[in-house]
């Protein structure tokens, strides 16, 4: 029995030695032709003399946005309402009327009413300015949507700080001819009077 154990141990030792000899070295496992073994660092490219170093920060060209003709409410076609259109300092009467029409088309009642002067007078003898402006707020919020642009705008100048703007404005299927009296208050044009001349 001891002879069998000794023989068995000898056989196991012999197998271990042969296994060690057959195990390849790490270096033998590498492919000498592998590209990465021959990789080398290269110096940063230098701009040739006479040429300017390119500014890679501006390498990305952003194409101009093209509006979708099917999307009538594209959110970026005009400035967001939080920039505000009312009270532009030193705005011309033409710009003021354009801002007023755009704010009305946007149903921005606060911006529309901010364009009226504290001296605003109603053209109706039986309505106060406050009642007229509250009606205007309701019209902006719930009435027919106004066109964003006025047509046939004409500006008359009775004096330096007063202008009379006449134009036509679309409200749904109706065309309204209006007249706004504008006065300058602190460098900003405000509406001091408003009159509907005709409705078609």
Protein backbone atom coordinates (compact mmCIF):
# COMPACT_ATOMS: atom_id res chain seq x y z
CA UNK A 1 0.00 0.00 0.00
CA UNK A 2 2.81 2.48 0.77
CA UNK A 3 4.34 1.67 -2.61
CA UNK A 4 1.08 2.67 -4.38
CA UNK A 5 0.96 6.00 -2.53
CA UNK A 6 4.57 6.75 -3.42
CA UNK A 7 3.97 5.89 -7.06
CA UNK A 8 0.88 8.06 -7.14
CA UNK A 9 2.71 11.02 -5.65
CA UNK A 10 5.56 10.58 -8.14
CA UNK A 11 3.08 10.55 -11.03
CA UNK A 12 1.38 13.74 -9.79
CA UNK A 13 4.72 15.51 -9.40
CA UNK A 14 5.72 14.51 -12.93
CA UNK A 15 2.46 15.94 -14.35
CA UNK A 16 2.99 19.20 -12.50
CA UNK A 17 6.50 19.61 -13.89
CA UNK A 18 5.40 18.94 -17.46
CA UNK A 19 2.52 21.41 -17.09
CA UNK A 20 4.89 24.13 -15.95
CA UNK A 21 7.11 23.59 -18.94
CA UNK A 22 4.18 23.78 -21.34
CA UNK A 23 2.86 27.08 -19.86
CA UNK A 24 3.92 29.90 -22.26
CA UNK A 25 5.64 33.01 -20.99
CA UNK A 26 3.74 36.31 -21.12
CA UNK A 27 6.11 37.62 -23.75
CA UNK A 28 5.45 34.56 -25.90
CA UNK A 29 1.70 35.32 -25.82
CA UNK A 30 2.15 38.76 -27.42
CA UNK A 31 1.84 39.16 -31.15
CA UNK A 32 5.03 40.91 -32.19
CA UNK A 33 3.18 42.31 -35.22
CA UNK A 34 0.45 44.04 -33.19
CA UNK A 35 0.17 47.68 -34.27
CA UNK A 36 -0.25 49.03 -30.75
CA UNK A 37 3.18 47.68 -29.79
CA UNK A 38 4.77 50.02 -32.30
CA UNK A 39 2.62 53.12 -31.52
CA UNK A 40 4.50 56.31 -30.77
CA UNK A 41 3.48 59.76 -29.56
CA UNK A 42 3.62 62.56 -32.09
CA UNK A 43 4.22 66.23 -31.41
CA UNK A 44 1.29 68.67 -31.67
CA UNK A 45 0.84 69.89 -35.24
CA UNK A 46 2.41 73.26 -35.79
CA UNK A 47 0.85 75.96 -37.94
CA UNK A 48 3.17 76.74 -40.86
CA UNK A 49 4.72 80.19 -40.95
CA UNK A 50 2.57 82.76 -42.69
CA UNK A 51 -0.68 81.09 -41.66
CA UNK A 52 -2.86 81.90 -38.67
CA UNK A 53 -3.58 79.23 -36.09
CA UNK A 54 -7.21 78.19 -36.62
CA UNK A 55 -9.68 78.94 -33.85
CA UNK A 56 -11.25 75.56 -33.24
CA UNK A 57 -13.86 77.06 -30.92
CA UNK A 58 -15.70 78.32 -33.98
CA UNK A 59 -15.33 75.18 -36.05
CA UNK A 60 -18.99 74.22 -35.62
CA UNK A 61 -21.24 76.11 -38.02
CA UNK A 62 -24.85 76.32 -36.88
CA UNK A 63 -27.17 76.55 -39.89
CA UNK A 64 -29.83 79.23 -40.01
CA UNK A 65 -33.19 78.06 -38.74
CA UNK A 66 -35.88 77.57 -41.34
CA UNK A 67 -39.42 78.15 -40.25
CA UNK A 68 -41.97 75.43 -40.80
CA UNK A 69 -44.68 76.91 -43.05
CA UNK A 70 -47.15 74.38 -41.63
CA UNK A 71 -46.51 75.48 -38.06
CA UNK A 72 -48.33 78.77 -37.60
CA UNK A 73 -47.43 78.93 -33.90
CA UNK A 74 -43.68 78.31 -34.06
CA UNK A 75 -42.42 79.47 -30.67
CA UNK A 76 -39.13 80.90 -31.95
CA UNK A 77 -40.53 82.90 -34.85
CA UNK A 78 -40.74 85.90 -32.53
CA UNK A 79 -39.25 86.94 -29.22
CA UNK A 80 -40.80 85.40 -26.10
CA UNK A 81 -43.36 87.62 -24.41
CA UNK A 82 -41.30 87.87 -21.21
CA UNK A 83 -38.92 90.22 -23.08
CA UNK A 84 -41.86 92.59 -23.18
CA UNK A 85 -42.92 94.77 -26.04
CA UNK A 86 -44.32 97.70 -24.10
CA UNK A 87 -42.47 100.81 -23.15
CA UNK A 88 -39.45 100.65 -25.43
CA UNK A 89 -37.38 103.71 -24.59
CA UNK A 90 -37.19 106.24 -27.41
CA UNK A 91 -39.28 103.98 -29.66
CA UNK A 92 -40.73 105.73 -32.67
CA UNK A 93 -44.51 106.09 -33.01
CA UNK A 94 -44.38 103.45 -35.78
CA UNK A 95 -42.61 100.99 -33.47
CA UNK A 96 -45.02 101.73 -30.67
CA UNK A 97 -48.05 100.96 -32.88
CA UNK A 98 -46.35 97.78 -34.11
CA UNK A 99 -45.63 96.69 -30.51
CA UNK A 100 -49.22 97.41 -29.50
CA UNK A 101 -50.65 95.37 -32.41
CA UNK A 102 -48.26 92.46 -31.71
CA UNK A 103 -49.12 92.41 -28.01
CA UNK A 104 -52.82 92.36 -28.88
CA UNK A 105 -52.27 89.49 -31.35
CA UNK A 106 -50.41 87.62 -28.58
CA UNK A 107 -53.37 88.20 -26.24
CA UNK A 108 -50.98 89.86 -23.81
CA UNK A 109 -53.47 92.14 -22.10
CA UNK A 110 -50.97 93.47 -19.55
CA UNK A 111 -48.58 94.58 -22.30
CA UNK A 112 -51.41 96.21 -24.26
CA UNK A 113 -52.72 98.17 -21.26
CA UNK A 114 -49.18 99.23 -20.30
CA UNK A 115 -49.08 101.20 -23.55
CA UNK A 116 -51.94 103.48 -22.51
CA UNK A 117 -51.15 106.77 -20.83
CA UNK A 118 -52.40 107.74 -17.39
CA UNK A 119 -53.90 110.69 -19.29
CA UNK A 120 -55.89 108.38 -21.58
CA UNK A 121 -59.38 109.72 -22.32
CA UNK A 122 -62.21 107.58 -23.66
CA UNK A 123 -63.76 108.65 -26.96
CA UNK A 124 -67.17 107.73 -25.56
CA UNK A 125 -68.74 110.51 -23.43
CA UNK A 126 -70.64 108.00 -21.27
CA UNK A 127 -67.57 105.87 -20.39
CA UNK A 128 -64.69 106.70 -18.11
CA UNK A 129 -61.12 105.83 -19.08
CA UNK A 130 -61.08 103.08 -16.45
CA UNK A 131 -64.21 101.41 -17.86
CA UNK A 132 -62.89 101.67 -21.43
CA UNK A 133 -59.54 100.11 -20.47
CA UNK A 134 -61.24 97.25 -18.60
CA UNK A 135 -63.31 96.57 -21.72
CA UNK A 136 -60.08 96.66 -23.71
CA UNK A 137 -58.54 94.06 -21.39
CA UNK A 138 -61.51 91.76 -21.95
CA UNK A 139 -61.36 92.28 -25.73
CA UNK A 140 -57.66 91.43 -25.84
CA UNK A 141 -58.13 88.31 -23.71
CA UNK A 142 -61.35 86.95 -25.19
CA UNK A 143 -62.32 88.89 -28.32
CA UNK A 144 -61.51 88.13 -31.96
CA UNK A 145 -57.77 87.68 -32.46
CA UNK A 146 -56.19 90.82 -33.86
CA UNK A 147 -53.76 90.76 -36.75
CA UNK A 148 -50.14 91.15 -35.64
CA UNK A 149 -49.55 93.85 -38.24
CA UNK A 150 -51.43 96.99 -39.09
CA UNK A 151 -51.90 98.24 -42.65
CA UNK A 152 -51.83 101.67 -44.27
CA UNK A 153 -50.14 103.25 -41.24
CA UNK A 154 -49.93 107.03 -41.42
CA UNK A 155 -48.44 109.26 -38.74
CA UNK A 156 -49.42 112.90 -38.41
CA UNK A 157 -47.58 115.35 -36.15
CA UNK A 158 -49.77 118.02 -34.56
CA UNK A 159 -46.85 119.05 -32.29
CA UNK A 160 -43.51 117.81 -30.98
CA UNK A 161 -44.88 115.53 -28.26
CA UNK A 162 -48.06 114.40 -29.95
CA UNK A 163 -48.73 112.12 -32.93
CA UNK A 164 -51.89 110.82 -34.53
CA UNK A 165 -51.58 107.33 -36.04
CA UNK A 166 -54.23 106.12 -38.47
CA UNK A 167 -54.29 102.55 -39.82
CA UNK A 168 -56.43 99.51 -40.49
CA UNK A 169 -56.30 96.41 -38.31
CA UNK A 170 -57.77 92.96 -38.90
CA UNK A 171 -59.98 91.40 -36.21
CA UNK A 172 -61.09 87.98 -37.37
CA UNK A 173 -63.10 88.61 -40.55
CA UNK A 174 -63.57 92.32 -39.80
CA UNK A 175 -61.31 95.16 -40.91
CA UNK A 176 -61.26 98.05 -38.45
CA UNK A 177 -59.99 101.51 -39.29
CA UNK A 178 -58.54 103.11 -36.17
CA UNK A 179 -56.95 106.29 -35.00
CA UNK A 180 -54.59 106.47 -32.00
CA UNK A 181 -53.48 109.69 -30.37
CA UNK A 182 -49.97 109.24 -29.01
CA UNK A 183 -48.18 111.44 -26.51
CA UNK A 184 -44.57 111.29 -25.38
CA UNK A 185 -44.09 110.54 -21.69
CA UNK A 186 -40.52 110.32 -20.43
CA UNK A 187 -39.17 109.32 -23.83
CA UNK A 188 -41.83 106.65 -24.40
CA UNK A 189 -44.88 106.98 -26.65
CA UNK A 190 -48.18 106.20 -24.92
CA UNK A 191 -51.78 106.05 -26.14
CA UNK A 192 -53.76 109.04 -24.93
CA UNK A 193 -56.77 108.49 -27.17
CA UNK A 194 -58.27 105.74 -29.34
CA UNK A 195 -61.04 106.01 -31.87
CA UNK A 196 -62.68 103.52 -34.26
CA UNK A 197 -63.25 105.34 -37.54
CA UNK A 198 -64.92 102.56 -39.52
CA UNK A 199 -65.58 98.81 -39.46
CA UNK A 200 -65.87 96.70 -42.62
